[in-house]
Amino acid sequence: MNGKLPARARTAVLADNPLEGEQLLLDALFGAPGPGAVKRPRPVDSAAVDKPQHYKIISISLYTEDITRLEQLVRELKRRGHYKANKSQVIRAALAQLNLDKVPHEL
C-alpha cells in the first residue's frame, strides 16, 4: 500500500470540524475527562477571577543587539547583588527615568 488513505476516509475526516464547539476545543487542548471523572463546577466568570489586575503580559519586538544589551544589564545587576533582577525590571526602571524632552526627534 502507498500509505495514502482511501478517498472515502479522507473526506470523512474533512467533514468533521474539530474546532466546532468550545468544549471540543478545550478537550483537545487540555484532554477530555476520563470515564467516571467528577465534574467540578466552574466560577461564572473564571477569566476575571484568575487574571491578575495589577499587570498585563505583552509582547514587544526588539532588535537582537537590544536584547543582548538588556541581558547584559540583567547579568550585571545580578553580579552586583540584585539576585532577582530580570528584563522586565530593567525596562520598568528605564521607563521611570525616561525624559521625553530628551528623546531625539529621529529615533
Protein backbone atom coordinates (compact mmCIF):
# COMPACT_ATOMS: atom_id res chain seq x y z
CA MET A 1 0.00 0.00 0.00
CA ASN A 2 1.26 3.50 -0.76
CA GLY A 3 0.40 4.96 2.67
CA LYS A 4 -2.48 7.15 1.47
CA LEU A 5 -5.96 6.86 2.91
CA PRO A 6 -8.79 5.87 0.58
CA ALA A 7 -10.75 8.84 -0.77
CA ARG A 8 -13.78 7.96 1.38
CA ALA A 9 -11.71 8.05 4.60
CA ARG A 10 -10.12 11.39 3.67
CA THR A 11 -13.47 13.07 3.03
CA ALA A 12 -14.96 11.70 6.27
CA VAL A 13 -12.16 13.34 8.23
CA LEU A 14 -12.72 16.66 6.50
CA ALA A 15 -16.45 16.52 7.23
CA ASP A 16 -15.79 16.79 10.98
CA ASN A 17 -14.79 20.24 12.23
CA PRO A 18 -12.53 19.72 15.30
CA LEU A 19 -12.93 23.37 16.30
CA GLU A 20 -16.71 23.29 16.35
CA GLY A 21 -17.95 23.92 19.87
CA GLU A 22 -15.92 25.30 22.73
CA GLN A 23 -15.87 22.05 24.70
CA LEU A 24 -14.32 20.15 21.81
CA LEU A 25 -11.51 22.70 21.66
CA LEU A 26 -10.98 22.62 25.42
CA ASP A 27 -10.92 18.82 25.36
CA ALA A 28 -8.39 18.86 22.53
CA LEU A 29 -6.13 21.32 24.36
CA PHE A 30 -6.40 20.03 27.92
CA GLY A 31 -7.62 16.46 27.49
CA ALA A 32 -11.14 15.17 27.82
CA PRO A 33 -12.13 13.91 31.27
CA GLY A 34 -11.98 10.14 31.55
CA PRO A 35 -14.92 7.90 32.35
CA GLY A 36 -16.17 8.36 35.90
CA ALA A 37 -14.45 11.74 36.27
CA VAL A 38 -16.09 14.12 38.71
CA LYS A 39 -17.17 17.33 37.03
CA ARG A 40 -16.17 20.32 39.13
CA PRO A 41 -18.28 23.48 38.95
CA ARG A 42 -16.51 26.50 37.45
CA PRO A 43 -16.98 30.08 38.56
CA VAL A 44 -19.31 32.07 36.34
CA ASP A 45 -16.53 34.38 35.14
CA SER A 46 -13.38 32.33 35.69
CA ALA A 47 -11.29 34.66 33.48
CA ALA A 48 -11.96 37.62 35.78
CA VAL A 49 -11.22 35.54 38.86
CA ASP A 50 -7.96 34.06 37.58
CA LYS A 51 -6.43 37.10 35.84
CA PRO A 52 -4.26 39.43 37.90
CA GLN A 53 -5.36 43.04 37.65
CA HIS A 54 -2.06 44.76 38.53
CA TYR A 55 -0.16 43.78 35.36
CA LYS A 56 -0.62 42.52 31.81
CA ILE A 57 1.55 40.24 29.73
CA ILE A 58 2.52 41.91 26.47
CA SER A 59 4.74 41.08 23.55
CA ILE A 60 7.22 43.55 22.07
CA SER A 61 9.77 43.35 19.30
CA LEU A 62 13.40 44.28 19.93
CA TYR A 63 16.47 44.16 17.74
CA THR A 64 18.87 41.37 18.64
CA GLU A 65 21.50 43.86 19.79
CA ASP A 66 18.94 45.47 22.13
CA ILE A 67 18.09 42.06 23.59
CA THR A 68 21.80 41.35 24.06
CA ARG A 69 22.23 44.69 25.87
CA LEU A 70 19.18 44.03 28.05
CA GLU A 71 20.51 40.60 29.02
CA GLN A 72 23.93 42.11 29.81
CA LEU A 73 22.28 44.66 32.09
CA VAL A 74 20.41 41.91 33.94
CA ARG A 75 23.64 39.90 34.36
CA GLU A 76 25.48 42.96 35.68
CA LEU A 77 22.69 43.73 38.16
CA LYS A 78 22.84 40.15 39.42
CA ARG A 79 26.63 40.37 39.71
CA ARG A 80 26.13 43.47 41.84
CA GLY A 81 23.82 41.63 44.22
CA HIS A 82 20.40 42.21 42.71
CA TYR A 83 19.75 38.47 42.51
CA LYS A 84 16.11 38.76 41.44
CA ALA A 85 16.82 41.21 38.58
CA ASN A 86 15.08 40.44 35.31
CA LYS A 87 14.38 42.04 31.93
CA SER A 88 11.00 43.41 32.98
CA GLN A 89 12.54 45.22 35.96
CA VAL A 90 15.25 46.78 33.78
CA ILE A 91 12.65 48.02 31.28
CA ARG A 92 10.47 49.42 34.11
CA ALA A 93 13.49 51.24 35.58
CA ALA A 94 14.30 52.71 32.16
CA LEU A 95 10.69 53.86 31.70
CA ALA A 96 10.72 55.51 35.13
CA GLN A 97 13.80 57.53 34.15
CA LEU A 98 12.69 58.46 30.63
CA ASN A 99 12.52 62.20 29.98
CA LEU A 100 10.50 62.78 26.81
CA ASP A 101 12.13 66.20 26.34
CA LYS A 102 15.49 64.50 25.88
CA VAL A 103 14.33 61.88 23.35
CA PRO A 104 15.84 62.67 19.94
CA HIS A 105 13.25 63.62 17.32
CA GLU A 106 14.50 60.94 14.95
CA LEU A 107 14.69 57.57 16.68
